[in-house]
């Protein structure tokens, strides 16, 4: 004989599992420490300064 299943409970469990999986993906993508964010921002600024310093200005005749 088949097991009786409460569909509402199954739907809630499935939704909770999906939310947990999405939360894990977001933690991987966005879960950086303040130091890591600061380091990345400083590296981007340093790269921008280096590019600005190497830019050639058009010759004015």
PDB file of N, CA and C in Angstrom:
ATOM      1  N   UNK A   1       0.837  -1.170   0.000  1.00  0.00           N
ATOM      2  CA  UNK A   1       0.000   0.000   0.000  1.00  0.00           C
ATOM      3  C   UNK A   1       0.888   1.240   0.000  1.00  0.00           C
ATOM      4  N   UNK A   2       0.445   2.297  -0.618  1.00  0.00           N
ATOM      5  CA  UNK A   2       1.230   3.521  -0.766  1.00  0.00           C
ATOM      6  C   UNK A   2       1.226   4.321   0.530  1.00  0.00           C
ATOM      7  N   UNK A   3       2.282   5.069   0.679  1.00  0.00           N
ATOM      8  CA  UNK A   3       2.409   5.926   1.868  1.00  0.00           C
ATOM      9  C   UNK A   3       1.607   7.204   1.649  1.00  0.00           C
ATOM     10  N   UNK A   4       0.889   7.638   2.661  1.00  0.00           N
ATOM     11  CA  UNK A   4       0.093   8.854   2.575  1.00  0.00           C
ATOM     12  C   UNK A   4       1.026  10.043   2.777  1.00  0.00           C
ATOM     13  N   UNK A   5       0.929  11.030   1.882  1.00  0.00           N
ATOM     14  CA  UNK A   5       1.831  12.175   1.896  1.00  0.00           C
ATOM     15  C   UNK A   5       1.002  13.449   1.982  1.00  0.00           C
ATOM     16  N   UNK A   6       1.391  14.335   2.871  1.00  0.00           N
ATOM     17  CA  UNK A   6       0.740  15.636   2.979  1.00  0.00           C
ATOM     18  C   UNK A   6       1.397  16.548   1.950  1.00  0.00           C
ATOM     19  N   UNK A   7       0.674  16.904   0.896  1.00  0.00           N
ATOM     20  CA  UNK A   7       1.238  17.680  -0.203  1.00  0.00           C
ATOM     21  C   UNK A   7       1.688  19.064   0.247  1.00  0.00           C
ATOM     22  N   UNK A   8       0.965  19.662   1.166  1.00  0.00           N
ATOM     23  CA  UNK A   8       1.344  20.987   1.654  1.00  0.00           C
ATOM     24  C   UNK A   8       2.713  20.931   2.334  1.00  0.00           C
ATOM     25  N   UNK A   9       2.922  19.910   3.121  1.00  0.00           N
ATOM     26  CA  UNK A   9       4.204  19.755   3.809  1.00  0.00           C
ATOM     27  C   UNK A   9       5.339  19.513   2.817  1.00  0.00           C
ATOM     28  N   UNK A  10       5.076  18.701   1.792  1.00  0.00           N
ATOM     29  CA  UNK A  10       6.085  18.411   0.775  1.00  0.00           C
ATOM     30  C   UNK A  10       6.451  19.688   0.029  1.00  0.00           C
ATOM     31  N   UNK A  11       5.448  20.509  -0.327  1.00  0.00           N
ATOM     32  CA  UNK A  11       5.705  21.766  -1.023  1.00  0.00           C
ATOM     33  C   UNK A  11       6.543  22.706  -0.156  1.00  0.00           C
ATOM     34  N   UNK A  12       6.235  22.771   1.120  1.00  0.00           N
ATOM     35  CA  UNK A  12       6.998  23.635   2.027  1.00  0.00           C
ATOM     36  C   UNK A  12       8.437  23.141   2.162  1.00  0.00           C
ATOM     37  N   UNK A  13       8.624  21.839   2.241  1.00  0.00           N
ATOM     38  CA  UNK A  13       9.975  21.293   2.344  1.00  0.00           C
ATOM     39  C   UNK A  13      10.764  21.555   1.077  1.00  0.00           C
ATOM     40  N   UNK A  14      10.126  21.416  -0.080  1.00  0.00           N
ATOM     41  CA  UNK A  14      10.787  21.678  -1.353  1.00  0.00           C
ATOM     42  C   UNK A  14      11.175  23.150  -1.459  1.00  0.00           C
ATOM     43  N   UNK A  15      10.282  24.053  -1.058  1.00  0.00           N
ATOM     44  CA  UNK A  15      10.564  25.488  -1.105  1.00  0.00           C
ATOM     45  C   UNK A  15      11.715  25.837  -0.165  1.00  0.00           C
ATOM     46  N   UNK A  16      11.728  25.237   1.018  1.00  0.00           N
ATOM     47  CA  UNK A  16      12.809  25.501   1.970  1.00  0.00           C
ATOM     48  C   UNK A  16      14.146  25.031   1.424  1.00  0.00           C
ATOM     49  N   UNK A  17      14.151  23.890   0.752  1.00  0.00           N
ATOM     50  CA  UNK A  17      15.393  23.369   0.167  1.00  0.00           C
ATOM     51  C   UNK A  17      15.894  24.282  -0.951  1.00  0.00           C
ATOM     52  N   UNK A  18      14.970  24.796  -1.773  1.00  0.00           N
ATOM     53  CA  UNK A  18      15.356  25.707  -2.848  1.00  0.00           C
ATOM     54  C   UNK A  18      15.908  27.015  -2.285  1.00  0.00           C
ATOM     55  N   UNK A  19      15.280  27.527  -1.236  1.00  0.00           N
ATOM     56  CA  UNK A  19      15.760  28.757  -0.606  1.00  0.00           C
ATOM     57  C   UNK A  19      17.138  28.555   0.008  1.00  0.00           C
ATOM     58  N   UNK A  20      17.355  27.403   0.601  1.00  0.00           N
ATOM     59  CA  UNK A  20      18.662  27.112   1.196  1.00  0.00           C
ATOM     60  C   UNK A  20      19.740  27.032   0.121  1.00  0.00           C
ATOM     61  N   UNK A  21      19.412  26.438  -1.013  1.00  0.00           N
ATOM     62  CA  UNK A  21      20.378  26.338  -2.106  1.00  0.00           C
ATOM     63  C   UNK A  21      20.691  27.719  -2.673  1.00  0.00           C
ATOM     64  N   UNK A  22      19.667  28.556  -2.824  1.00  0.00           N
ATOM     65  CA  UNK A  22      19.891  29.909  -3.331  1.00  0.00           C
ATOM     66  C   UNK A  22      20.711  30.729  -2.336  1.00  0.00           C
ATOM     67  N   UNK A  23      20.441  30.564  -1.055  1.00  0.00           N
ATOM     68  CA  UNK A  23      21.203  31.275  -0.037  1.00  0.00           C
ATOM     69  C   UNK A  23      22.675  30.870  -0.086  1.00  0.00           C
ATOM     70  N   UNK A  24      22.939  29.598  -0.311  1.00  0.00           N
ATOM     71  CA  UNK A  24      24.322  29.128  -0.404  1.00  0.00           C
ATOM     72  C   UNK A  24      25.020  29.742  -1.613  1.00  0.00           C
ATOM     73  N   UNK A  25      24.318  29.800  -2.757  1.00  0.00           N
ATOM     74  CA  UNK A  25      24.908  30.425  -3.950  1.00  0.00           C
ATOM     75  C   UNK A  25      25.202  31.898  -3.696  1.00  0.00           C
ATOM     76  N   UNK A  26      24.291  32.597  -3.013  1.00  0.00           N
ATOM     77  CA  UNK A  26      24.501  34.013  -2.726  1.00  0.00           C
ATOM     78  C   UNK A  26      25.661  34.215  -1.755  1.00  0.00           C
ATOM     79  N   UNK A  27      25.814  33.308  -0.801  1.00  0.00           N
ATOM     80  CA  UNK A  27      26.941  33.428   0.138  1.00  0.00           C
ATOM     81  C   UNK A  27      28.260  33.306  -0.597  1.00  0.00           C
ATOM     82  N   UNK A  28      28.297  32.427  -1.586  1.00  0.00           N
ATOM     83  CA  UNK A  28      29.523  32.254  -2.365  1.00  0.00           C
ATOM     84  C   UNK A  28      29.793  33.503  -3.199  1.00  0.00           C
ATOM     85  N   UNK A  29      28.755  34.048  -3.825  1.00  0.00           N
ATOM     86  CA  UNK A  29      28.932  35.196  -4.710  1.00  0.00           C
ATOM     87  C   UNK A  29      29.187  36.493  -3.957  1.00  0.00           C
ATOM     88  N   UNK A  30      28.444  36.719  -2.902  1.00  0.00           N
ATOM     89  CA  UNK A  30      28.462  38.019  -2.249  1.00  0.00           C
ATOM     90  C   UNK A  30      29.069  37.995  -0.846  1.00  0.00           C
ATOM     91  N   UNK A  31      29.422  36.865  -0.358  1.00  0.00           N
ATOM     92  CA  UNK A  31      29.880  36.745   1.014  1.00  0.00           C
ATOM     93  C   UNK A  31      31.362  37.031   1.160  1.00  0.00           C
ATOM     94  N   UNK A  32      31.742  38.274   0.946  1.00  0.00           N
ATOM     95  CA  UNK A  32      33.148  38.639   1.085  1.00  0.00           C
ATOM     96  C   UNK A  32      33.316  39.492   2.326  1.00  0.00           C
ATOM     97  N   UNK A  33      34.474  39.412   2.933  1.00  0.00           N
ATOM     98  CA  UNK A  33      34.734  40.207   4.120  1.00  0.00           C
ATOM     99  C   UNK A  33      34.987  41.653   3.738  1.00  0.00           C
ATOM    100  N   UNK A  34      34.937  42.520   4.732  1.00  0.00           N
ATOM    101  CA  UNK A  34      35.175  43.932   4.497  1.00  0.00           C
ATOM    102  C   UNK A  34      36.587  44.156   3.954  1.00  0.00           C
ATOM    103  N   UNK A  35      37.546  43.410   4.452  1.00  0.00           N
ATOM    104  CA  UNK A  35      38.921  43.514   3.979  1.00  0.00           C
ATOM    105  C   UNK A  35      39.072  43.122   2.521  1.00  0.00           C
ATOM    106  N   UNK A  36      38.364  42.067   2.111  1.00  0.00           N
ATOM    107  CA  UNK A  36      38.428  41.636   0.713  1.00  0.00           C
ATOM    108  C   UNK A  36      37.828  42.689  -0.209  1.00  0.00           C
ATOM    109  N   UNK A  37      36.707  43.285   0.212  1.00  0.00           N
ATOM    110  CA  UNK A  37      36.083  44.333  -0.595  1.00  0.00           C
ATOM    111  C   UNK A  37      37.010  45.542  -0.701  1.00  0.00           C
ATOM    112  N   UNK A  38      37.641  45.914   0.402  1.00  0.00           N
ATOM    113  CA  UNK A  38      38.563  47.050   0.408  1.00  0.00           C
ATOM    114  C   UNK A  38      39.757  46.776  -0.493  1.00  0.00           C
ATOM    115  N   UNK A  39      40.305  45.566  -0.410  1.00  0.00           N
ATOM    116  CA  UNK A  39      41.444  45.195  -1.243  1.00  0.00           C
ATOM    117  C   UNK A  39      41.096  45.295  -2.722  1.00  0.00           C
ATOM    118  N   UNK A  40      39.927  44.772  -3.102  1.00  0.00           N
ATOM    119  CA  UNK A  40      39.510  44.818  -4.504  1.00  0.00           C
ATOM    120  C   UNK A  40      39.317  46.257  -4.970  1.00  0.00           C
ATOM    121  N   UNK A  41      38.742  47.102  -4.119  1.00  0.00           N
ATOM    122  CA  UNK A  41      38.529  48.496  -4.488  1.00  0.00           C
ATOM    123  C   UNK A  41      39.859  49.217  -4.661  1.00  0.00           C
ATOM    124  N   UNK A  42      40.817  48.966  -3.766  1.00  0.00           N
ATOM    125  CA  UNK A  42      42.124  49.605  -3.864  1.00  0.00           C
ATOM    126  C   UNK A  42      42.874  49.138  -5.111  1.00  0.00           C
ATOM    127  N   UNK A  43      42.776  47.871  -5.434  1.00  0.00           N
ATOM    128  CA  UNK A  43      43.422  47.362  -6.643  1.00  0.00           C
ATOM    129  C   UNK A  43      42.829  48.005  -7.891  1.00  0.00           C
ATOM    130  N   UNK A  44      41.514  48.194  -7.912  1.00  0.00           N
ATOM    131  CA  UNK A  44      40.869  48.822  -9.067  1.00  0.00           C
ATOM    132  C   UNK A  44      41.308  50.282  -9.194  1.00  0.00           C
ATOM    133  N   UNK A  45      41.412  50.982  -8.062  1.00  0.00           N
ATOM    134  CA  UNK A  45      41.864  52.373  -8.096  1.00  0.00           C
ATOM    135  C   UNK A  45      43.314  52.467  -8.567  1.00  0.00           C
ATOM    136  N   UNK A  46      44.153  51.551  -8.113  1.00  0.00           N
ATOM    137  CA  UNK A  46      45.558  51.542  -8.504  1.00  0.00           C
ATOM    138  C   UNK A  46      45.683  51.288 -10.007  1.00  0.00           C
ATOM    139  N   UNK A  47      44.896  50.383 -10.523  1.00  0.00           N
ATOM    140  CA  UNK A  47      44.922  50.092 -11.955  1.00  0.00           C
ATOM    141  C   UNK A  47      44.446  51.304 -12.760  1.00  0.00           C
ATOM    142  N   UNK A  48      43.439  51.996 -12.262  1.00  0.00           N
ATOM    143  CA  UNK A  48      42.933  53.183 -12.965  1.00  0.00           C
ATOM    144  C   UNK A  48      43.990  54.284 -12.970  1.00  0.00           C
ATOM    145  N   UNK A  49      44.682  54.475 -11.848  1.00  0.00           N
ATOM    146  CA  UNK A  49      45.744  55.487 -11.785  1.00  0.00           C
ATOM    147  C   UNK A  49      46.870  55.138 -12.743  1.00  0.00           C
ATOM    148  N   UNK A  50      47.232  53.880 -12.827  1.00  0.00           N
ATOM    149  CA  UNK A  50      48.288  53.453 -13.740  1.00  0.00           C
ATOM    150  C   UNK A  50      47.907  53.682 -15.185  1.00  0.00           C
ATOM    151  N   UNK A  51      46.646  53.436 -15.511  1.00  0.00           N
ATOM    152  CA  UNK A  51      46.189  53.652 -16.880  1.00  0.00           C
ATOM    153  C   UNK A  51      46.149  55.141 -17.196  1.00  0.00           C
ATOM    154  N   UNK A  52      45.735  55.967 -16.229  1.00  0.00           N
ATOM    155  CA  UNK A  52      45.699  57.414 -16.447  1.00  0.00           C
ATOM    156  C   UNK A  52      47.103  57.977 -16.614  1.00  0.00           C
ATOM    157  N   UNK A  53      48.059  57.451 -15.874  1.00  0.00           N
ATOM    158  CA  UNK A  53      49.431  57.932 -15.956  1.00  0.00           C
ATOM    159  C   UNK A  53      50.104  57.557 -17.268  1.00  0.00           C
ATOM    160  N   UNK A  54      49.654  56.500 -17.908  1.00  0.00           N
ATOM    161  CA  UNK A  54      50.276  56.045 -19.150  1.00  0.00           C
ATOM    162  C   UNK A  54      49.552  56.588 -20.382  1.00  0.00           C
ATOM    163  N   UNK A  55      48.484  57.332 -20.153  1.00  0.00           N
ATOM    164  CA  UNK A  55      47.721  57.860 -21.283  1.00  0.00           C
ATOM    165  C   UNK A  55      48.502  58.947 -22.002  1.00  0.00           C
ATOM    166  N   UNK A  56      48.499  58.899 -23.306  1.00  0.00           N
ATOM    167  CA  UNK A  56      49.192  59.901 -24.112  1.00  0.00           C
ATOM    168  C   UNK A  56      48.204  60.999 -24.502  1.00  0.00           C
ATOM    169  N   UNK A  57      48.628  62.219 -24.369  1.00  0.00           N
ATOM    170  CA  UNK A  57      47.794  63.354 -24.758  1.00  0.00           C
ATOM    171  C   UNK A  57      48.060  63.662 -26.241  1.00  0.00           C
ATOM    172  N   UNK A  58      47.053  64.066 -26.966  1.00  0.00           N
ATOM    173  CA  UNK A  58      47.266  64.420 -28.381  1.00  0.00           C
ATOM    174  C   UNK A  58      48.169  65.657 -28.480  1.00  0.00           C
ATOM    175  N   UNK A  59      49.032  65.660 -29.482  1.00  0.00           N
ATOM    176  CA  UNK A  59      49.976  66.768 -29.675  1.00  0.00           C
ATOM    177  C   UNK A  59      49.216  68.000 -30.132  1.00  0.00           C
ATOM    178  N   UNK A  60      49.530  69.148 -29.505  1.00  0.00           N
ATOM    179  CA  UNK A  60      48.901  70.402 -29.878  1.00  0.00           C
ATOM    180  C   UNK A  60      49.879  71.188 -30.734  1.00  0.00           C
ATOM    181  N   UNK A  61      49.515  71.501 -31.952  1.00  0.00           N
ATOM    182  CA  UNK A  61      50.405  72.236 -32.869  1.00  0.00           C
ATOM    183  C   UNK A  61      50.147  73.723 -32.827  1.00  0.00           C
TER     184      UNK A  61
END
